[in-house]
Amino acid sequence: MPYLQLCTSKSLDEAQKHDLCEEIGKLMPLIPGKTRENTMMNIMDGCYMEKVDASEPSLNLEVRVLGAVPEANKRDYVEKICALFEKKPGISPGRVTINFVEFDCWGTDGKLLKAGA
């Protein structure tokens, strides 16, 4: 199960958050083995964020996954997710950062899973 934590300085209503989760979900298969159905997402909006200044909206996306994601898949995901964020919620790619955090083990459903097992 990937876990996505999105922090943005832009304020979003509940419908916008849900719509953004659905659109992000469509891109999850770019990461091998990941789907909308097995992805947990957290959106924290209205955060104070600065990149040079706070006058333009900014966004950080942290993508946490079990195991390694091939570099080509990361590149494709970054390209497409930045295009999505430019469209919804209207944040320039230059104001978006994306971090991939790859774990060798992961706990879910009362079990500890190991990458590659």
Protein backbone atom coordinates (compact mmCIF):
# COMPACT_ATOMS: atom_id res chain seq x y z
CA MET A 1 0.00 0.00 0.00
CA PRO A 2 1.56 3.28 -0.97
CA TYR A 3 0.93 6.25 1.27
CA LEU A 4 0.86 9.71 -0.29
CA GLN A 5 1.12 12.81 1.87
CA LEU A 6 0.35 16.01 0.00
CA CYS A 7 0.94 19.37 1.68
CA THR A 8 -0.04 22.56 -0.09
CA SER A 9 -0.34 26.21 0.75
CA LYS A 10 -3.50 26.37 -1.33
CA SER A 11 -6.82 25.91 0.51
CA LEU A 12 -9.08 23.23 -0.96
CA ASP A 13 -12.64 22.27 -0.13
CA GLU A 14 -13.64 18.64 0.50
CA ALA A 15 -14.87 18.12 -3.09
CA GLN A 16 -11.57 19.44 -4.50
CA LYS A 17 -9.62 17.13 -2.19
CA HIS A 18 -11.67 14.10 -3.25
CA ASP A 19 -11.34 15.02 -6.92
CA LEU A 20 -7.58 15.42 -6.53
CA CYS A 21 -7.35 11.99 -4.86
CA GLU A 22 -9.29 10.46 -7.75
CA GLU A 23 -7.01 12.11 -10.34
CA ILE A 24 -3.87 11.07 -8.45
CA GLY A 25 -5.32 7.56 -8.24
CA LYS A 26 -5.45 7.35 -12.03
CA LEU A 27 -1.67 7.91 -12.09
CA MET A 28 -0.80 5.30 -9.46
CA PRO A 29 -0.37 2.45 -11.98
CA LEU A 30 2.68 4.36 -13.27
CA ILE A 31 4.34 2.90 -10.16
CA PRO A 32 4.48 -0.90 -10.64
CA GLY A 33 1.93 -2.78 -8.52
CA LYS A 34 0.21 0.37 -7.26
CA THR A 35 -3.45 1.27 -7.84
CA ARG A 36 -5.98 3.79 -6.59
CA GLU A 37 -7.52 0.98 -4.56
CA ASN A 38 -4.33 0.16 -2.63
CA THR A 39 -3.20 3.76 -2.09
CA MET A 40 -3.86 5.78 1.07
CA MET A 41 -3.76 9.56 0.57
CA ASN A 42 -3.55 12.44 3.01
CA ILE A 43 -4.06 16.01 1.84
CA MET A 44 -3.05 18.83 4.17
CA ASP A 45 -4.10 22.13 2.65
CA GLY A 46 -3.74 25.72 3.73
CA CYS A 47 -0.24 25.06 5.08
CA TYR A 48 2.26 27.86 5.30
CA MET A 49 4.89 27.00 2.69
CA GLU A 50 7.67 29.09 1.24
CA LYS A 51 9.80 28.54 -1.83
CA VAL A 52 11.63 31.85 -2.26
CA ASP A 53 8.46 33.54 -0.97
CA ALA A 54 4.96 32.62 0.12
CA SER A 55 3.11 34.72 -2.46
CA GLU A 56 2.61 31.84 -4.92
CA PRO A 57 1.05 28.51 -3.94
CA SER A 58 3.44 25.61 -3.32
CA LEU A 59 3.01 21.87 -2.95
CA ASN A 60 5.06 18.98 -1.62
CA LEU A 61 4.14 15.37 -2.34
CA GLU A 62 5.76 12.55 -0.42
CA VAL A 63 5.27 9.11 -2.00
CA ARG A 64 5.96 6.31 0.48
CA VAL A 65 6.20 2.81 -0.96
CA LEU A 66 7.28 -0.70 0.00
CA GLY A 67 10.33 -1.58 -2.10
CA ALA A 68 12.18 0.28 -4.81
CA VAL A 69 10.51 2.05 -7.72
CA PRO A 70 12.41 1.89 -11.03
CA GLU A 71 13.87 5.27 -12.01
CA ALA A 72 12.05 5.35 -15.36
CA ASN A 73 8.73 4.95 -13.52
CA LYS A 74 9.64 7.74 -11.10
CA ARG A 75 10.47 10.07 -14.00
CA ASP A 76 7.17 9.32 -15.75
CA TYR A 77 5.21 9.74 -12.51
CA VAL A 78 6.88 13.07 -11.68
CA GLU A 79 6.19 14.42 -15.18
CA LYS A 80 2.53 13.43 -15.13
CA ILE A 81 1.81 14.36 -11.52
CA CYS A 82 3.32 17.83 -12.03
CA ALA A 83 1.08 18.30 -15.09
CA LEU A 84 -1.89 17.27 -12.94
CA PHE A 85 -0.96 19.70 -10.15
CA GLU A 86 -0.64 22.50 -12.68
CA LYS A 87 -4.18 21.74 -13.88
CA LYS A 88 -5.63 20.90 -10.44
CA PRO A 89 -5.16 22.75 -8.09
CA GLY A 90 -3.28 25.22 -10.33
CA ILE A 91 0.25 25.06 -8.96
CA SER A 92 3.21 25.68 -11.24
CA PRO A 93 5.62 22.71 -11.61
CA GLY A 94 8.42 24.99 -10.41
CA ARG A 95 6.61 25.27 -7.07
CA VAL A 96 6.14 21.49 -6.64
CA THR A 97 8.53 19.09 -4.95
CA ILE A 98 8.11 15.31 -4.92
CA ASN A 99 9.93 12.92 -2.61
CA PHE A 100 9.98 9.14 -2.98
CA VAL A 101 10.55 7.26 0.26
CA GLU A 102 11.20 3.56 -0.31
CA PHE A 103 10.92 1.22 2.67
CA ASP A 104 12.30 -2.32 2.99
CA CYS A 105 9.45 -3.31 5.32
CA TRP A 106 5.90 -2.11 5.87
CA GLY A 107 3.22 -2.95 8.43
CA THR A 108 -0.39 -3.33 7.35
CA ASP A 109 -3.40 -5.47 8.20
CA GLY A 110 -1.64 -6.66 11.35
CA LYS A 111 1.30 -8.05 9.35
CA LEU A 112 4.85 -6.97 8.63
CA LEU A 113 5.62 -7.13 4.91
CA LYS A 114 9.13 -7.25 3.46
CA ALA A 115 10.07 -5.73 0.11
CA GLY A 116 10.60 -8.38 -2.55
CA ALA A 117 9.04 -11.15 -0.45
